[in-house]
Each structure stands twice: as C-alpha cells, then as structure tokens.
Amino acid sequence: MIMTWSAAIAAGAFVFLVAGILLALRTALHRLGQVQIEAEAMRLDLHKLSTELSRLIQPAEETIRSANRQLLAASKLFESAGHIGGAIANTTSAAERITSLLSESVEQHANHHKTKRQVGEALEWAELGMTAWQLWQTNRKKEMTQGNAHDPVSESES
C-alpha cells in the first residue's frame, strides 16, 4: 500500500507540476502576445515617423541647395561690391586730383584777374588825374589870356 500511496502522491505531484507549467506557459504566451502587439504598434509608429521624416528631408535638401545657391550669389555680389569699391576709390582720387588742379587754376586766374583789375584801376586814376591836370592847365591859360588874375572868390559866388 505504501507503493500505491507513493504512486498516487507522485501522480498528484506530477499533475500539479504539469498544471503549474501549463499555467506559466499560458501566462508567458499571453505576455508574449502583449509584447508582440506593442512591438507592432511601435513598428507602425516608426513607419509613420520615417514617412514623415522622408517628406521633411526632401524640402530640407531643397532648402539647403537654395541657401547654397544664394550664398554663392551673395559671394559674387560681395566680390563685385569690392571691385566697385576699388573703382570708386580710384575715381575719388582722380576727382580729388582734378579738383586740386582746378582750384590752383582758379586761384591763378583770380590772382591774374585781380592784378589786371588793379592795373586797370590805376590806369583809370591816372587818366582821371591827367584829365584834371589838362583841365586845370586849360583854365589857367584861359584866365591868363583874358587877363583875369586869380581873384578871390566871395561867398555869394560860391
């Protein structure tokens, strides 16, 4: 009978053991199913993100290319501005030289004109003086020929 009891206890333990293993397997399979569902959801999210990123990459590449073209154009613009600055500097120095020469020329002409004017004024004064002297001489000769000596002038005549 001991053997029977031993066999019954062993059979019962085996049944409990198999039932425990089956329950553990079922729980593990249930958790594995949940992990698969979550992995599928993550895969869908990653697929959606990768699609959105691929849509964003194309405009970003075009924007970068456009920015690169604009930077190249701006570089050429700045290079041209540098050349224009050099040309302006050369033109400015030439204009300064021309202005200096014109200023000197104007000053010379002004001095020449001033000298001419002074000479002209001196000649006019000399002519005026000569005319006055001739007038005085003529009046003096007239008075001498008429016999009028130099009479003092009264206040009523003046």
N, C-alpha and C. Protein backbone atom coordinates (compact mmCIF):
# COMPACT_ATOMS: atom_id res chain seq x y z
N MET A 1 0.77 -1.13 0.00
CA MET A 1 0.00 0.00 0.00
C MET A 1 0.86 1.26 0.00
N ILE A 2 1.88 1.19 0.54
CA ILE A 2 2.79 2.31 0.54
C ILE A 2 3.15 2.63 -0.91
N MET A 3 3.27 1.65 -1.65
CA MET A 3 3.62 1.87 -3.03
C MET A 3 2.45 2.54 -3.74
N THR A 4 1.31 2.15 -3.40
CA THR A 4 0.15 2.73 -4.03
C THR A 4 0.06 4.22 -3.63
N TRP A 5 0.26 4.43 -2.36
CA TRP A 5 0.21 5.81 -1.91
C TRP A 5 1.35 6.62 -2.53
N SER A 6 2.45 6.04 -2.62
CA SER A 6 3.59 6.73 -3.22
C SER A 6 3.31 7.03 -4.68
N ALA A 7 2.71 6.06 -5.35
CA ALA A 7 2.42 6.26 -6.76
C ALA A 7 1.34 7.32 -6.90
N ALA A 8 0.35 7.33 -5.99
CA ALA A 8 -0.72 8.31 -6.06
C ALA A 8 -0.17 9.72 -5.76
N ILE A 9 0.73 9.80 -4.79
CA ILE A 9 1.32 11.09 -4.45
C ILE A 9 2.19 11.58 -5.61
N ALA A 10 2.94 10.68 -6.20
CA ALA A 10 3.79 11.05 -7.34
C ALA A 10 2.93 11.49 -8.50
N ALA A 11 1.80 10.76 -8.73
CA ALA A 11 0.92 11.13 -9.83
C ALA A 11 0.28 12.48 -9.55
N GLY A 12 -0.12 12.75 -8.31
CA GLY A 12 -0.72 14.04 -7.95
C GLY A 12 0.29 15.17 -8.10
N ALA A 13 1.52 14.90 -7.66
CA ALA A 13 2.57 15.92 -7.77
C ALA A 13 2.86 16.21 -9.24
N PHE A 14 2.85 15.12 -10.03
CA PHE A 14 3.09 15.29 -11.45
C PHE A 14 1.98 16.13 -12.07
N VAL A 15 0.72 15.93 -11.69
CA VAL A 15 -0.42 16.68 -12.22
C VAL A 15 -0.28 18.15 -11.82
N PHE A 16 0.06 18.39 -10.53
CA PHE A 16 0.25 19.78 -10.11
C PHE A 16 1.40 20.45 -10.86
N LEU A 17 2.45 19.69 -11.02
CA LEU A 17 3.60 20.22 -11.73
C LEU A 17 3.24 20.55 -13.17
N VAL A 18 2.53 19.66 -13.85
CA VAL A 18 2.14 19.89 -15.24
C VAL A 18 1.16 21.06 -15.29
N ALA A 19 0.22 21.14 -14.34
CA ALA A 19 -0.73 22.24 -14.32
C ALA A 19 0.00 23.56 -14.10
N GLY A 20 0.99 23.60 -13.22
CA GLY A 20 1.78 24.82 -12.97
C GLY A 20 2.56 25.23 -14.21
N ILE A 21 3.14 24.24 -14.85
CA ILE A 21 3.91 24.53 -16.05
C ILE A 21 2.98 25.06 -17.14
N LEU A 22 1.79 24.46 -17.27
CA LEU A 22 0.83 24.92 -18.28
C LEU A 22 0.36 26.35 -17.98
N LEU A 23 0.08 26.64 -16.70
CA LEU A 23 -0.32 27.99 -16.33
C LEU A 23 0.81 28.99 -16.61
N ALA A 24 2.04 28.63 -16.29
CA ALA A 24 3.19 29.52 -16.53
C ALA A 24 3.37 29.75 -18.03
N LEU A 25 3.21 28.69 -18.81
CA LEU A 25 3.32 28.81 -20.27
C LEU A 25 2.20 29.71 -20.82
N ARG A 26 0.98 29.51 -20.28
CA ARG A 26 -0.13 30.32 -20.76
C ARG A 26 0.10 31.80 -20.41
N THR A 27 0.57 32.10 -19.21
CA THR A 27 0.87 33.47 -18.82
C THR A 27 1.99 34.04 -19.69
N ALA A 28 3.02 33.24 -19.93
CA ALA A 28 4.13 33.68 -20.77
C ALA A 28 3.65 33.95 -22.18
N LEU A 29 2.76 33.07 -22.71
CA LEU A 29 2.23 33.27 -24.06
C LEU A 29 1.36 34.54 -24.11
N HIS A 30 0.59 34.78 -23.05
CA HIS A 30 -0.23 35.99 -23.00
C HIS A 30 0.66 37.24 -22.99
N ARG A 31 1.70 37.23 -22.16
CA ARG A 31 2.63 38.37 -22.12
C ARG A 31 3.38 38.53 -23.44
N LEU A 32 3.75 37.42 -24.04
CA LEU A 32 4.42 37.46 -25.34
C LEU A 32 3.49 38.07 -26.39
N GLY A 33 2.21 37.78 -26.32
CA GLY A 33 1.24 38.37 -27.24
C GLY A 33 1.15 39.88 -27.03
N GLN A 34 1.14 40.30 -25.77
CA GLN A 34 1.11 41.74 -25.50
C GLN A 34 2.37 42.42 -26.02
N VAL A 35 3.51 41.77 -25.83
CA VAL A 35 4.77 42.34 -26.33
C VAL A 35 4.72 42.43 -27.85
N GLN A 36 4.15 41.42 -28.51
CA GLN A 36 4.03 41.46 -29.97
C GLN A 36 3.11 42.59 -30.42
N ILE A 37 2.00 42.79 -29.70
CA ILE A 37 1.08 43.88 -30.05
C ILE A 37 1.78 45.23 -29.89
N GLU A 38 2.49 45.38 -28.78
CA GLU A 38 3.22 46.64 -28.56
C GLU A 38 4.33 46.83 -29.60
N ALA A 39 5.00 45.75 -29.95
CA ALA A 39 6.06 45.84 -30.97
C ALA A 39 5.45 46.23 -32.32
N GLU A 40 4.28 45.68 -32.64
CA GLU A 40 3.60 46.04 -33.89
C GLU A 40 3.20 47.51 -33.89
N ALA A 41 2.70 48.00 -32.72
CA ALA A 41 2.33 49.41 -32.61
C ALA A 41 3.57 50.30 -32.77
N MET A 42 4.67 49.88 -32.18
CA MET A 42 5.91 50.64 -32.31
C MET A 42 6.40 50.62 -33.76
N ARG A 43 6.25 49.47 -34.43
CA ARG A 43 6.65 49.37 -35.83
C ARG A 43 5.82 50.32 -36.68
N LEU A 44 4.50 50.39 -36.41
CA LEU A 44 3.63 51.31 -37.15
C LEU A 44 4.02 52.77 -36.88
N ASP A 45 4.30 53.08 -35.61
CA ASP A 45 4.74 54.44 -35.27
C ASP A 45 6.06 54.78 -35.97
N LEU A 46 7.00 53.84 -35.96
CA LEU A 46 8.29 54.08 -36.63
C LEU A 46 8.10 54.25 -38.14
N HIS A 47 7.20 53.46 -38.70
CA HIS A 47 6.93 53.58 -40.13
C HIS A 47 6.34 54.96 -40.44
N LYS A 48 5.38 55.40 -39.58
CA LYS A 48 4.77 56.70 -39.77
C LYS A 48 5.83 57.81 -39.63
N LEU A 49 6.69 57.72 -38.61
CA LEU A 49 7.75 58.70 -38.41
C LEU A 49 8.74 58.73 -39.57
N SER A 50 9.09 57.54 -40.06
CA SER A 50 10.04 57.50 -41.17
C SER A 50 9.41 58.10 -42.43
N THR A 51 8.10 57.90 -42.61
CA THR A 51 7.42 58.50 -43.76
C THR A 51 7.42 60.03 -43.63
N GLU A 52 7.10 60.52 -42.44
CA GLU A 52 7.11 61.96 -42.21
C GLU A 52 8.51 62.55 -42.38
N LEU A 53 9.51 61.84 -41.86
CA LEU A 53 10.89 62.32 -42.00
C LEU A 53 11.32 62.34 -43.46
N SER A 54 10.92 61.33 -44.22
CA SER A 54 11.30 61.33 -45.64
C SER A 54 10.62 62.49 -46.37
N ARG A 55 9.38 62.84 -45.94
CA ARG A 55 8.71 64.00 -46.53
C ARG A 55 9.41 65.30 -46.13
N LEU A 56 9.99 65.35 -44.94
CA LEU A 56 10.68 66.55 -44.48
C LEU A 56 12.09 66.65 -45.07
N ILE A 57 12.70 65.53 -45.36
CA ILE A 57 14.08 65.54 -45.87
C ILE A 57 14.14 66.19 -47.24
N GLN A 58 13.18 65.90 -48.11
CA GLN A 58 13.21 66.48 -49.46
C GLN A 58 13.16 68.00 -49.43
N PRO A 59 12.21 68.63 -48.74
CA PRO A 59 12.23 70.10 -48.69
C PRO A 59 13.48 70.64 -48.00
N ALA A 60 13.98 69.91 -47.00
CA ALA A 60 15.19 70.36 -46.32
C ALA A 60 16.37 70.35 -47.28
N GLU A 61 16.47 69.31 -48.10
CA GLU A 61 17.55 69.25 -49.10
C GLU A 61 17.41 70.39 -50.11
N GLU A 62 16.18 70.66 -50.54
CA GLU A 62 15.96 71.76 -51.49
C GLU A 62 16.30 73.10 -50.85
N THR A 63 15.93 73.25 -49.57
CA THR A 63 16.24 74.49 -48.86
C THR A 63 17.75 74.67 -48.74
N ILE A 64 18.46 73.60 -48.42
CA ILE A 64 19.92 73.67 -48.30
C ILE A 64 20.54 74.01 -49.65
N ARG A 65 20.05 73.40 -50.71
CA ARG A 65 20.58 73.71 -52.05
C ARG A 65 20.31 75.17 -52.41
N SER A 66 19.09 75.63 -52.11
CA SER A 66 18.73 77.02 -52.39
C SER A 66 19.61 77.98 -51.58
N ALA A 67 19.81 77.66 -50.31
CA ALA A 67 20.67 78.50 -49.47
C ALA A 67 22.09 78.52 -50.02
N ASN A 68 22.57 77.38 -50.49
CA ASN A 68 23.91 77.30 -51.06
C ASN A 68 24.01 78.17 -52.31
N ARG A 69 22.98 78.11 -53.19
CA ARG A 69 22.98 78.95 -54.39
C ARG A 69 22.96 80.42 -54.01
N GLN A 70 22.15 80.77 -53.02
CA GLN A 70 22.06 82.16 -52.59
C GLN A 70 23.38 82.63 -51.98
N LEU A 71 24.04 81.76 -51.22
CA LEU A 71 25.33 82.13 -50.65
C LEU A 71 26.37 82.35 -51.75
N LEU A 72 26.32 81.51 -52.77
CA LEU A 72 27.24 81.70 -53.91
C LEU A 72 26.95 83.01 -54.62
N ALA A 73 25.67 83.30 -54.82
CA ALA A 73 25.29 84.57 -55.46
C ALA A 73 25.71 85.75 -54.59
N ALA A 74 25.51 85.64 -53.28
CA ALA A 74 25.91 86.72 -52.37
C ALA A 74 27.42 86.88 -52.38
N SER A 75 28.14 85.78 -52.47
CA SER A 75 29.60 85.85 -52.55
C SER A 75 30.03 86.61 -53.78
N LYS A 76 29.38 86.33 -54.92
CA LYS A 76 29.69 87.05 -56.15
C LYS A 76 29.32 88.52 -56.01
N LEU A 77 28.19 88.78 -55.33
CA LEU A 77 27.75 90.16 -55.11
C LEU A 77 28.77 90.92 -54.28
N PHE A 78 29.26 90.29 -53.19
CA PHE A 78 30.25 90.95 -52.35
C PHE A 78 31.56 91.15 -53.10
N GLU A 79 31.91 90.20 -53.93
CA GLU A 79 33.12 90.34 -54.74
C GLU A 79 32.97 91.52 -55.70
N SER A 80 31.80 91.61 -56.34
CA SER A 80 31.53 92.75 -57.24
C SER A 80 31.54 94.06 -56.46
N ALA A 81 30.97 94.05 -55.27
CA ALA A 81 30.97 95.26 -54.44
C ALA A 81 32.40 95.68 -54.11
N GLY A 82 33.27 94.71 -53.87
CA GLY A 82 34.67 95.02 -53.62
C GLY A 82 35.32 95.67 -54.83
N HIS A 83 35.01 95.14 -56.03
CA HIS A 83 35.55 95.74 -57.25
C HIS A 83 35.00 97.16 -57.43
N ILE A 84 33.71 97.32 -57.16
CA ILE A 84 33.10 98.65 -57.29
C ILE A 84 33.74 99.61 -56.29
N GLY A 85 34.01 99.12 -55.08
CA GLY A 85 34.67 99.97 -54.08
C GLY A 85 36.04 100.43 -54.56
N GLY A 86 36.80 99.51 -55.19
CA GLY A 86 38.09 99.89 -55.72
C GLY A 86 37.96 100.93 -56.83
N ALA A 87 36.97 100.72 -57.69
CA ALA A 87 36.75 101.69 -58.78
C ALA A 87 36.35 103.05 -58.21
N ILE A 88 35.51 103.04 -57.17
CA ILE A 88 35.09 104.30 -56.54
C ILE A 88 36.30 104.99 -55.91
N ALA A 89 37.18 104.21 -55.28
CA ALA A 89 38.37 104.79 -54.67
C ALA A 89 39.25 105.44 -55.74
N ASN A 90 39.43 104.74 -56.86
CA ASN A 90 40.23 105.31 -57.95
C ASN A 90 39.57 106.57 -58.50
N THR A 91 38.25 106.52 -58.69
CA THR A 91 37.53 107.69 -59.20
C THR A 91 37.63 108.85 -58.22
N THR A 92 37.52 108.56 -56.93
CA THR A 92 37.61 109.60 -55.91
C THR A 92 38.98 110.26 -55.92
N SER A 93 40.04 109.44 -56.01
CA SER A 93 41.38 110.03 -56.03
C SER A 93 41.57 110.86 -57.29
N ALA A 94 41.05 110.39 -58.43
CA ALA A 94 41.15 111.17 -59.66
C ALA A 94 40.38 112.48 -59.52
N ALA A 95 39.18 112.41 -58.93
CA ALA A 95 38.37 113.61 -58.73
C ALA A 95 39.09 114.59 -57.80
N GLU A 96 39.75 114.07 -56.78
CA GLU A 96 40.50 114.93 -55.87
C GLU A 96 41.64 115.63 -56.60
N ARG A 97 42.34 114.88 -57.45
CA ARG A 97 43.43 115.49 -58.23
C ARG A 97 42.88 116.57 -59.16
N ILE A 98 41.77 116.26 -59.84
CA ILE A 98 41.17 117.23 -60.76
C ILE A 98 40.72 118.47 -59.99
N THR A 99 40.11 118.26 -58.83
CA THR A 99 39.65 119.38 -58.00
C THR A 99 40.83 120.24 -57.57
N SER A 100 41.92 119.59 -57.19
CA SER A 100 43.12 120.32 -56.78
C SER A 100 43.65 121.16 -57.93
N LEU A 101 43.72 120.55 -59.12
CA LEU A 101 44.21 121.28 -60.29
C LEU A 101 43.28 122.44 -60.63
N LEU A 102 41.97 122.20 -60.59
CA LEU A 102 41.01 123.27 -60.87
C LEU A 102 41.13 124.40 -59.85
N SER A 103 41.31 124.03 -58.60
CA SER A 103 41.44 125.04 -57.54
C SER A 103 42.68 125.90 -57.79
N GLU A 104 43.78 125.25 -58.13
CA GLU A 104 45.00 126.00 -58.41
C GLU A 104 44.80 126.91 -59.61
N SER A 105 44.16 126.38 -60.65
CA SER A 105 43.92 127.17 -61.86
C SER A 105 43.02 128.37 -61.56
N VAL A 106 41.95 128.15 -60.79
CA VAL A 106 41.05 129.23 -60.42
C VAL A 106 41.79 130.28 -59.62
N GLU A 107 42.64 129.82 -58.70
CA GLU A 107 43.40 130.76 -57.88
C GLU A 107 44.34 131.60 -58.75
N GLN A 108 45.00 130.94 -59.71
CA GLN A 108 45.89 131.67 -60.62
C GLN A 108 45.09 132.69 -61.44
N HIS A 109 43.95 132.26 -61.99
CA HIS A 109 43.12 133.18 -62.77
C HIS A 109 42.61 134.33 -61.91
N ALA A 110 42.24 134.02 -60.68
CA ALA A 110 41.74 135.06 -59.78
C ALA A 110 42.85 136.07 -59.50
N ASN A 111 44.05 135.57 -59.23
CA ASN A 111 45.17 136.47 -58.99
C ASN A 111 45.48 137.29 -60.24
N HIS A 112 45.44 136.66 -61.40
CA HIS A 112 45.69 137.35 -62.66
C HIS A 112 44.62 138.42 -62.90
N HIS A 113 43.36 138.06 -62.65
CA HIS A 113 42.26 138.99 -62.81
C HIS A 113 42.38 140.15 -61.83
N LYS A 114 42.79 139.82 -60.60
CA LYS A 114 42.96 140.84 -59.57
C LYS A 114 44.05 141.81 -59.98
N THR A 115 45.14 141.26 -60.51
CA THR A 115 46.24 142.11 -60.96
C THR A 115 45.78 142.99 -62.12
N LYS A 116 45.05 142.39 -63.07
CA LYS A 116 44.54 143.16 -64.21
C LYS A 116 43.62 144.27 -63.72
N ARG A 117 42.76 143.94 -62.79
CA ARG A 117 41.82 144.93 -62.27
C ARG A 117 42.56 146.07 -61.58
N GLN A 118 43.59 145.71 -60.80
CA GLN A 118 44.36 146.75 -60.12
C GLN A 118 45.07 147.65 -61.12
N VAL A 119 45.63 147.04 -62.17
CA VAL A 119 46.30 147.82 -63.21
C VAL A 119 45.28 148.70 -63.91
N GLY A 120 44.10 148.14 -64.22
CA GLY A 120 43.04 148.92 -64.86
C GLY A 120 42.61 150.09 -64.01
N GLU A 121 42.44 149.86 -62.72
CA GLU A 121 42.06 150.94 -61.81
C GLU A 121 43.14 152.02 -61.76
N ALA A 122 44.39 151.57 -61.72
CA ALA A 122 45.49 152.53 -61.68
C ALA A 122 45.50 153.37 -62.96
N LEU A 123 45.26 152.71 -64.11
CA LEU A 123 45.21 153.46 -65.37
C LEU A 123 44.03 154.43 -65.39
N GLU A 124 42.88 154.02 -64.86
CA GLU A 124 41.74 154.92 -64.79
C GLU A 124 42.04 156.14 -63.92
N TRP A 125 42.69 155.91 -62.77
CA TRP A 125 43.06 157.02 -61.89
C TRP A 125 44.07 157.95 -62.58
N ALA A 126 45.00 157.30 -63.28
CA ALA A 126 45.99 158.12 -64.00
C ALA A 126 45.31 158.96 -65.07
N GLU A 127 44.36 158.35 -65.79
CA GLU A 127 43.63 159.07 -66.83
C GLU A 127 42.82 160.21 -66.22
N LEU A 128 42.16 159.93 -65.08
CA LEU A 128 41.39 160.95 -64.39
C LEU A 128 42.30 162.10 -63.95
N GLY A 129 43.45 161.73 -63.41
CA GLY A 129 44.42 162.75 -62.98
C GLY A 129 44.92 163.58 -64.15
N MET A 130 45.20 162.89 -65.27
CA MET A 130 45.68 163.59 -66.46
C MET A 130 44.61 164.53 -66.99
N THR A 131 43.36 164.08 -67.02
CA THR A 131 42.27 164.92 -67.49
C THR A 131 42.11 166.13 -66.57
N ALA A 132 42.19 165.91 -65.27
CA ALA A 132 42.07 167.01 -64.31
C ALA A 132 43.22 168.00 -64.52
N TRP A 133 44.44 167.52 -64.73
CA TRP A 133 45.59 168.40 -64.93
C TRP A 133 45.43 169.21 -66.20
N GLN A 134 44.96 168.51 -67.28
CA GLN A 134 44.75 169.21 -68.55
C GLN A 134 43.66 170.26 -68.41
N LEU A 135 42.59 169.93 -67.72
CA LEU A 135 41.52 170.88 -67.49
C LEU A 135 42.04 172.10 -66.70
N TRP A 136 42.84 171.84 -65.69
CA TRP A 136 43.41 172.90 -64.87
C TRP A 136 44.33 173.79 -65.71
N GLN A 137 45.15 173.11 -66.54
CA GLN A 137 46.06 173.86 -67.40
C GLN A 137 45.28 174.73 -68.40
N THR A 138 44.23 174.16 -68.97
CA THR A 138 43.43 174.90 -69.94
C THR A 138 42.78 176.10 -69.27
N ASN A 139 42.19 175.92 -68.12
CA ASN A 139 41.54 177.00 -67.39
C ASN A 139 42.56 178.05 -66.98
N ARG A 140 43.72 177.64 -66.60
CA ARG A 140 44.75 178.58 -66.19
C ARG A 140 45.21 179.44 -67.38
N LYS A 141 45.38 178.80 -68.54
CA LYS A 141 45.80 179.54 -69.72
C LYS A 141 44.71 180.51 -70.15
N LYS A 142 43.46 180.10 -70.02
CA LYS A 142 42.34 180.96 -70.38
C LYS A 142 42.32 182.20 -69.50
N GLU A 143 42.47 181.99 -68.26
CA GLU A 143 42.44 183.10 -67.32
C GLU A 143 43.62 184.05 -67.58
N MET A 144 44.74 183.53 -67.93
CA MET A 144 45.90 184.37 -68.16
C MET A 144 45.71 185.18 -69.44
N THR A 145 45.11 184.56 -70.44
CA THR A 145 44.91 185.29 -71.69
C THR A 145 43.82 186.33 -71.53
N GLN A 146 42.87 186.13 -70.74
CA GLN A 146 41.80 187.09 -70.54
C GLN A 146 42.23 188.18 -69.57
N GLY A 147 43.26 187.96 -68.90
CA GLY A 147 43.79 188.98 -68.01
C GLY A 147 43.18 188.91 -66.65
N ASN A 148 42.43 187.96 -66.41
CA ASN A 148 41.87 187.83 -65.06
C ASN A 148 42.89 187.14 -64.19
N ALA A 149 43.37 187.92 -63.31
CA ALA A 149 44.29 187.31 -62.37
C ALA A 149 43.48 186.51 -61.38
N HIS A 150 44.13 185.86 -60.67
CA HIS A 150 43.49 184.98 -59.71
C HIS A 150 42.78 185.81 -58.67
N ASP A 151 41.43 186.04 -58.81
CA ASP A 151 40.66 186.83 -57.86
C ASP A 151 40.10 185.89 -56.81
N PRO A 152 40.09 186.43 -55.60
CA PRO A 152 39.48 185.60 -54.57
C PRO A 152 37.97 185.50 -54.81
N VAL A 153 37.42 184.35 -54.47
CA VAL A 153 36.01 184.07 -54.69
C VAL A 153 35.26 184.48 -53.45
N SER A 154 34.16 185.27 -53.63
CA SER A 154 33.39 185.68 -52.47
C SER A 154 32.38 184.59 -52.15
N GLU A 155 31.78 184.74 -50.97
CA GLU A 155 30.85 183.71 -50.51
C GLU A 155 29.59 183.74 -51.33
N SER A 156 29.18 184.86 -51.87
CA SER A 156 27.96 184.92 -52.66
C SER A 156 28.13 184.20 -53.97
N GLU A 157 29.32 184.13 -54.53
CA GLU A 157 29.58 183.44 -55.80
C GLU A 157 29.67 181.94 -55.61
N SER A 158 30.09 181.53 -54.46
CA SER A 158 30.23 180.11 -54.27
C SER A 158 28.90 179.56 -53.94
